Each structure stands twice: as C-alpha cells, then as structure tokens.
Amino acid sequence: MKKKIILFASILGLLVGCSQSTDSQPTPYPADYLPTAVALTSQAMFATAAAMTPSVTPTETVSPTAIVEETAPSPTPTFAAGFTQFAQIQFVSPGPLSSLVSPFNVQAYVASGESDRVQVDLLGEDGRVLQRILKKLDRNPKGVFQRFEISFEIRAVSETGYIRISSKDDFGRIQIVNTMPVLLFSVGTTTINPPGNMIYERVSVDGLKEKANFYAGEVSLSGRIWPFNEQPFVIELIAQDGRPISSRIINMSGIDTQPFATTLPYKVSEPTPVRLTFRQENPLWSVSDPEYGKYIYVYTVEVILNP
C-alpha cells in the first residue's frame, strides 16, 4: 500500500512540474507585432544615439571639416505674392544663415551688368572685405551659372558674414547688388541651408520694363518692396555721368513686404537715358566700401526720360 501511495505522489509531482513548465513559456506575439517592435527598437536606438552625441560649445576645439561640394539644383519654386521676377543675382548655395567653414563654394545664377564683369565679396560682420573675386562674364539676362571658391580667416570663433555679388554697367554705374547673410566659423563643419525666397528680386514695380519711356517731367512708380532691414530705400534717377537727377526716400515699416508709391520729378531738354535705382544700406556695417558704400541691395532698370 505504501508503495502505491509513493508511486501516486511521484506521478502527481511529475504532472504538477510539467504543468508549471508549460505555464512558464513566453506568450507568443501577435502576427503583426514584429514590424512594430522593430520600429520601436529603431526609434529607441536613434534617440539614444542623439542623446549620446556631444553638443559642441564655442570653447571646444573641433577639427576643421573638408568642404561640402554642392550641386546646382534646377530651381522650380512658387513665386512669392507680389514678386514674379527672379533676381539678376540668384543665389543657389549657400542659403541664409548657413554655417560656413573655410573654404566653401558660392553657387549662383549671375546676369552680369553691361560691364561684363562681376565682383564677389565676402564681408565680415563690420563690413570689412575678407576676400574679393573679380571675374569677366558675358552678359546673359537670364543669368549664367557660376561657382566661386571662397577662403577666409577670422580671429573670433565665429561671426556674422555677408556674401555680396555685384556688377556695374558700361558707364561705371552700379547696376546690380545682392547679398546673402551667413555665419562664419573658424572651426567646425559646413552646414548649407536652402536659399528659400531669396531667389527673387526685392523690388517689384508695376508695369516697369527696361528702356521704358517717361514724359511730362515725372516718373510715377508703384509696387512692392521686400526690405533687408528697416532702413529706408533710396530711389534715384542717375545720369550716365553718375549724376543723380532726382531722388526719393521711402521709409520702411518692418521687414515684411510692403507697398510703395512715389513720383520722381525731372527736367530734360532731349530724350535722356538714365538708370532708375533702388538701394538699401546695412546699418550694422561700420566699414564703408569706397565704391559700394554700405549697400546691401541694389536693383536698377534703364529708362528713358523725355521732355
């Protein structure tokens, strides 16, 4: 009898043990859970990697990184409201507030002035020239794709910089100036931002065309301006000898696009070609260029004044 009891207890213990072993097996995941698990794991890995990546402070020393070569994309943006004209100097790269380490490439479509020469300046935050490039370029009103390699040295770890491209006409008058604000670093990596809406001219004049004729002693203008800053826009009629015939000052209210309307009076005794000029200055520059002053943007159109 004792043997039967012992055998029964052994069998019962074995059955209990098998039951516990079966219950301890992990519950299988649903069939569609695996992709979710992989995705969650990947997100966790990226989050961990980002958290472990040290942030660079201005006091740290970072090895300079080689220049990042850019390719010229085909610009197909939507026109900004009130602006339908691509800039005569259309920046492709770098875009506004890109972080730049020496050397770097400037890429742009450039419709040179009638002098067939363009000037590329890299300016420091006070307006001093860090590098200047002069290049002969056949005029094409639609612009010619150009690449310029820029090198610079700055004493500080970083400072604001400006890429200014300009050209003059065959009488030596300023015909085009466009500027791209960037960030310059003595060490670090180059980070390129897209150009955004800065591919457009900042001045849009209703109905104005090259060689337009004006009569009766006045040039009436209306349109829209997108200012770089809150400085006034100066509008002038400049003769071929560089003499201003008439001028007006248009005050800006903020830096958003805004309408304008003005009239420039004039007196001529015969048909007289002049350059209608819109320009704005950068008040942050303490250094004034002997030819370009503190101009951050200049837009011009040749018109004909008639008695």
Protein backbone atom coordinates (compact mmCIF):
# COMPACT_ATOMS: atom_id res chain seq x y z
CA MET A 1 0.00 0.00 0.00
CA LYS A 2 2.81 2.35 0.88
CA LYS A 3 4.43 1.64 -2.46
CA LYS A 4 1.21 2.60 -4.26
CA ILE A 5 0.97 5.85 -2.29
CA ILE A 6 4.59 6.74 -3.08
CA LEU A 7 4.11 5.95 -6.79
CA PHE A 8 0.94 8.05 -6.90
CA ALA A 9 2.72 11.01 -5.20
CA SER A 10 5.58 10.76 -7.70
CA ILE A 11 3.22 10.76 -10.68
CA LEU A 12 1.28 13.70 -9.20
CA GLY A 13 4.53 15.71 -8.66
CA LEU A 14 5.61 14.98 -12.22
CA LEU A 15 2.30 16.21 -13.59
CA VAL A 16 2.45 19.37 -11.49
CA GLY A 17 6.01 20.01 -12.65
CA CYS A 18 5.01 19.58 -16.31
CA SER A 19 2.10 21.94 -15.83
CA GLN A 20 4.35 24.62 -14.26
CA SER A 21 6.91 24.21 -17.03
CA THR A 22 4.23 24.69 -19.68
CA ASP A 23 2.84 27.83 -17.97
CA SER A 24 6.30 29.45 -17.77
CA GLN A 25 6.77 29.54 -21.59
CA PRO A 26 6.52 33.10 -23.04
CA THR A 27 3.24 34.03 -24.70
CA PRO A 28 3.80 34.32 -28.47
CA TYR A 29 3.42 37.88 -30.04
CA PRO A 30 0.56 38.52 -32.44
CA ALA A 31 1.47 38.06 -36.10
CA ASP A 32 1.51 41.82 -36.84
CA TYR A 33 3.58 42.78 -33.77
CA LEU A 34 7.05 42.16 -35.22
CA PRO A 35 7.21 45.27 -37.51
CA THR A 36 6.01 47.40 -34.61
CA ALA A 37 8.68 46.01 -32.33
CA VAL A 38 11.39 46.69 -34.93
CA ALA A 39 10.18 50.23 -35.42
CA LEU A 40 10.09 50.92 -31.69
CA THR A 41 13.57 49.49 -31.30
CA SER A 42 14.91 51.65 -34.16
CA GLN A 43 13.37 54.76 -32.68
CA ALA A 44 14.93 53.97 -29.35
CA MET A 45 18.33 53.46 -30.98
CA PHE A 46 18.15 56.81 -32.81
CA ALA A 47 17.01 58.58 -29.66
CA THR A 48 19.86 57.03 -27.69
CA ALA A 49 22.40 57.94 -30.36
CA ALA A 50 21.16 61.52 -30.43
CA ALA A 51 21.32 61.73 -26.65
CA MET A 52 24.88 60.36 -26.63
CA THR A 53 26.13 62.76 -29.32
CA PRO A 54 28.04 65.52 -27.52
CA SER A 55 27.00 69.10 -28.27
CA VAL A 56 29.83 71.43 -29.32
CA THR A 57 30.25 74.60 -27.32
CA PRO A 58 32.16 77.66 -28.57
CA THR A 59 35.06 76.87 -26.22
CA GLU A 60 35.68 73.41 -27.61
CA THR A 61 38.23 72.76 -30.35
CA VAL A 62 36.89 70.90 -33.35
CA SER A 63 38.93 69.69 -36.30
CA PRO A 64 38.03 71.53 -39.49
CA THR A 65 35.89 69.52 -41.87
CA ALA A 66 36.54 69.39 -45.60
CA ILE A 67 34.32 71.50 -47.82
CA VAL A 68 30.97 70.00 -48.74
CA GLU A 69 30.57 70.12 -52.51
CA GLU A 70 27.19 71.26 -53.73
CA THR A 71 25.36 70.52 -56.96
CA ALA A 72 23.22 73.11 -58.67
CA PRO A 73 19.54 72.15 -58.46
CA SER A 74 17.00 73.29 -61.01
CA PRO A 75 15.03 75.96 -59.17
CA THR A 76 11.29 75.43 -59.55
CA PRO A 77 9.85 77.38 -56.60
CA THR A 78 6.48 79.03 -56.30
CA PHE A 79 6.55 82.79 -56.79
CA ALA A 80 6.09 84.84 -53.64
CA ALA A 81 2.98 87.01 -53.55
CA GLY A 82 3.64 90.25 -55.40
CA PHE A 83 7.02 89.11 -56.78
CA THR A 84 7.34 87.36 -60.14
CA GLN A 85 10.92 88.16 -61.18
CA PHE A 86 13.95 86.04 -60.37
CA ALA A 87 16.86 88.07 -59.05
CA GLN A 88 19.54 89.11 -61.55
CA ILE A 89 21.93 87.64 -58.99
CA GLN A 90 20.16 84.49 -57.84
CA PHE A 91 21.88 82.62 -55.01
CA VAL A 92 21.68 78.83 -55.26
CA SER A 93 24.01 77.98 -52.37
CA PRO A 94 24.62 78.78 -49.58
CA GLY A 95 21.26 79.97 -48.28
CA PRO A 96 20.58 82.43 -45.45
CA LEU A 97 22.40 81.83 -42.17
CA SER A 98 24.30 78.79 -43.45
CA SER A 99 27.21 77.84 -41.18
CA LEU A 100 30.42 78.10 -43.22
CA VAL A 101 33.98 76.96 -42.62
CA SER A 102 36.83 77.97 -44.95
CA PRO A 103 36.95 77.14 -47.81
CA PHE A 104 33.40 76.96 -49.18
CA ASN A 105 31.65 77.28 -52.54
CA VAL A 106 29.27 80.02 -53.64
CA GLN A 107 26.88 78.99 -56.42
CA ALA A 108 24.67 81.49 -58.21
CA TYR A 109 23.00 82.41 -61.47
CA VAL A 110 24.51 85.77 -62.39
CA ALA A 111 23.23 88.20 -65.04
CA SER A 112 26.28 90.46 -65.11
CA GLY A 113 25.92 94.17 -65.70
CA GLU A 114 26.74 95.75 -69.05
CA SER A 115 30.39 95.98 -67.96
CA ASP A 116 30.56 92.16 -68.36
CA ARG A 117 32.36 91.96 -65.02
CA VAL A 118 31.16 90.63 -61.67
CA GLN A 119 32.59 91.16 -58.22
CA VAL A 120 32.18 88.67 -55.37
CA ASP A 121 32.96 89.88 -51.85
CA LEU A 122 32.94 88.01 -48.56
CA LEU A 123 32.36 90.65 -45.87
CA GLY A 124 32.80 90.37 -42.13
CA GLU A 125 30.15 91.47 -39.67
CA ASP A 126 31.53 95.04 -39.68
CA GLY A 127 31.63 95.20 -43.48
CA ARG A 128 35.37 94.61 -43.93
CA VAL A 129 36.40 92.64 -47.01
CA LEU A 130 37.64 89.13 -46.16
CA GLN A 131 38.04 88.07 -49.80
CA ARG A 132 37.29 89.66 -53.18
CA ILE A 133 36.98 87.95 -56.57
CA LEU A 134 36.71 89.81 -59.90
CA LYS A 135 35.61 87.85 -62.95
CA LYS A 136 34.78 88.66 -66.58
CA LEU A 137 31.44 87.21 -67.59
CA ASP A 138 29.47 87.52 -70.82
CA ARG A 139 26.11 89.15 -70.19
CA ASN A 140 23.03 86.96 -70.29
CA PRO A 141 19.77 88.49 -68.96
CA LYS A 142 18.65 85.03 -67.80
CA GLY A 143 21.85 84.55 -65.82
CA VAL A 144 24.84 82.23 -66.14
CA PHE A 145 25.52 79.55 -63.52
CA GLN A 146 28.74 80.32 -61.66
CA ARG A 147 30.73 78.70 -58.86
CA PHE A 148 33.20 80.65 -56.74
CA GLU A 149 35.50 79.17 -54.10
CA ILE A 150 35.85 81.44 -51.07
CA SER A 151 38.53 81.25 -48.37
CA PHE A 152 38.69 83.36 -45.24
CA GLU A 153 40.34 83.81 -41.84
CA ILE A 154 38.68 85.30 -38.77
CA ARG A 155 40.14 85.88 -35.31
CA ALA A 156 36.99 85.01 -33.39
CA VAL A 157 35.43 81.56 -33.14
CA SER A 158 32.51 82.84 -35.22
CA GLU A 159 30.94 85.98 -36.63
CA THR A 160 28.20 87.04 -38.98
CA GLY A 161 29.27 87.32 -42.61
CA TYR A 162 27.81 88.50 -45.91
CA ILE A 163 28.35 87.23 -49.45
CA ARG A 164 27.88 90.20 -51.76
CA ILE A 165 27.81 89.83 -55.55
CA SER A 166 27.71 92.98 -57.66
CA SER A 167 28.20 94.31 -61.17
CA LYS A 168 28.34 97.69 -62.94
CA ASP A 169 27.13 98.93 -66.30
CA ASP A 170 29.30 100.19 -69.17
CA PHE A 171 29.31 103.73 -67.67
CA GLY A 172 30.62 102.54 -64.31
CA ARG A 173 27.29 102.94 -62.50
CA ILE A 174 26.25 100.25 -60.03
CA GLN A 175 23.79 98.02 -61.86
CA ILE A 176 23.23 95.05 -59.51
CA VAL A 177 23.99 94.22 -55.88
CA ASN A 178 22.63 91.24 -53.97
CA THR A 179 23.74 89.95 -50.58
CA MET A 180 23.41 86.68 -48.66
CA PRO A 181 23.82 86.75 -44.84
CA VAL A 182 25.73 83.73 -43.47
CA LEU A 183 27.55 82.58 -40.33
CA LEU A 184 31.34 82.20 -40.45
CA PHE A 185 33.22 79.78 -38.19
CA SER A 186 36.97 79.38 -37.73
CA VAL A 187 36.48 75.66 -36.98
CA GLY A 188 33.62 73.20 -37.25
CA THR A 189 31.54 71.82 -40.09
CA THR A 190 29.85 73.46 -43.04
CA THR A 191 26.05 73.33 -42.94
CA ILE A 192 24.21 74.60 -46.02
CA ASN A 193 20.67 75.99 -45.81
CA PRO A 194 18.44 76.29 -48.90
CA PRO A 195 18.03 79.77 -50.45
CA GLY A 196 14.28 79.97 -49.85
CA ASN A 197 12.51 83.05 -51.22
CA MET A 198 15.79 84.96 -51.55
CA ILE A 199 15.92 83.93 -55.21
CA TYR A 200 13.56 86.80 -56.09
CA GLU A 201 14.21 90.48 -56.65
CA ARG A 202 13.28 92.53 -53.59
CA VAL A 203 11.68 95.24 -55.71
CA SER A 204 8.61 94.73 -57.90
CA VAL A 205 7.47 97.80 -59.87
CA ASP A 206 4.08 97.67 -61.56
CA GLY A 207 4.33 97.70 -65.35
CA LEU A 208 8.02 98.71 -65.45
CA LYS A 209 10.14 97.41 -68.33
CA GLU A 210 13.71 98.01 -69.48
CA LYS A 211 14.02 101.13 -71.69
CA ALA A 212 10.56 102.35 -70.63
CA ASN A 213 9.77 105.93 -71.70
CA PHE A 214 8.54 108.64 -69.32
CA TYR A 215 7.15 112.04 -70.25
CA ALA A 216 5.96 115.35 -68.80
CA GLY A 217 8.72 115.73 -66.24
CA GLU A 218 7.83 112.98 -63.80
CA VAL A 219 8.39 109.27 -63.21
CA SER A 220 5.45 107.77 -61.35
CA LEU A 221 6.12 104.44 -59.68
CA SER A 222 4.16 101.96 -57.58
CA GLY A 223 4.76 98.40 -56.50
CA ARG A 224 6.09 96.38 -53.58
CA ILE A 225 9.39 96.20 -51.69
CA TRP A 226 10.78 93.39 -49.53
CA PRO A 227 13.44 95.12 -47.38
CA PHE A 228 16.55 93.52 -45.89
CA ASN A 229 16.11 95.66 -42.78
CA GLU A 230 14.20 98.70 -41.52
CA GLN A 231 16.49 101.21 -43.23
CA PRO A 232 14.84 103.44 -45.86
CA PHE A 233 15.01 102.58 -49.55
CA VAL A 234 16.54 105.32 -51.71
CA ILE A 235 15.10 105.66 -55.23
CA GLU A 236 17.15 107.68 -57.72
CA LEU A 237 17.41 108.62 -61.39
CA ILE A 238 21.14 108.51 -62.21
CA ALA A 239 22.55 110.01 -65.43
CA GLN A 240 25.25 108.32 -67.49
CA ASP A 241 27.90 110.53 -65.88
CA GLY A 242 26.86 109.28 -62.43
CA ARG A 243 25.00 112.49 -61.51
CA PRO A 244 21.70 111.96 -59.63
CA ILE A 245 18.87 113.78 -61.45
CA SER A 246 16.14 113.10 -58.91
CA SER A 247 15.75 111.08 -55.72
CA ARG A 248 13.18 109.98 -53.17
CA ILE A 249 13.41 108.25 -49.79
CA ILE A 250 10.88 105.52 -48.99
CA ASN A 251 10.67 104.66 -45.28
CA MET A 252 10.18 101.01 -44.36
CA SER A 253 7.81 99.78 -41.66
CA GLY A 254 9.32 96.50 -40.53
CA ILE A 255 10.93 93.87 -42.76
CA ASP A 256 7.83 92.32 -44.33
CA THR A 257 6.90 93.01 -47.95
CA GLN A 258 5.10 96.33 -48.26
CA PRO A 259 3.60 98.51 -50.98
CA PHE A 260 5.06 101.82 -52.13
CA ALA A 261 4.10 104.66 -54.46
CA THR A 262 6.15 107.73 -55.35
CA THR A 263 6.90 110.26 -58.08
CA LEU A 264 10.35 111.45 -59.15
CA PRO A 265 10.35 114.85 -60.92
CA TYR A 266 12.93 115.60 -63.63
CA LYS A 267 13.91 118.20 -66.24
CA VAL A 268 15.49 117.29 -69.58
CA SER A 269 15.65 119.02 -72.98
CA GLU A 270 16.01 115.84 -75.05
CA PRO A 271 15.49 112.08 -74.66
CA THR A 272 17.88 111.09 -71.89
CA PRO A 273 18.69 107.51 -70.81
CA VAL A 274 19.10 107.18 -67.05
CA ARG A 275 19.35 104.34 -64.57
CA LEU A 276 16.39 104.06 -62.19
CA THR A 277 17.96 102.77 -58.99
CA PHE A 278 16.54 101.27 -55.79
CA ARG A 279 19.06 100.72 -52.98
CA GLN A 280 19.21 99.91 -49.28
CA GLU A 281 22.10 100.05 -46.81
CA ASN A 282 23.19 97.81 -43.94
CA PRO A 283 23.38 99.90 -40.73
CA LEU A 284 25.43 97.19 -38.98
CA TRP A 285 28.48 97.80 -41.16
CA SER A 286 30.97 100.27 -39.69
CA VAL A 287 33.31 99.89 -42.68
CA SER A 288 32.19 101.67 -45.86
CA ASP A 289 33.36 100.42 -49.27
CA PRO A 290 34.83 103.25 -51.39
CA GLU A 291 32.65 102.23 -54.37
CA TYR A 292 29.69 100.37 -52.88
CA GLY A 293 29.39 102.21 -49.59
CA LYS A 294 27.24 100.15 -47.22
CA TYR A 295 24.85 98.95 -49.93
CA ILE A 296 23.34 95.57 -49.12
CA TYR A 297 20.97 95.55 -52.11
CA VAL A 298 20.71 97.49 -55.38
CA TYR A 299 18.13 96.98 -58.12
CA THR A 300 18.25 99.06 -61.32
CA VAL A 301 16.42 99.46 -64.63
CA GLU A 302 17.46 101.71 -67.51
CA VAL A 303 14.65 104.08 -68.55
CA ILE A 304 14.34 106.99 -70.98
CA LEU A 305 13.33 110.47 -69.81
CA ASN A 306 11.60 112.61 -72.42
CA PRO A 307 10.78 116.35 -72.30
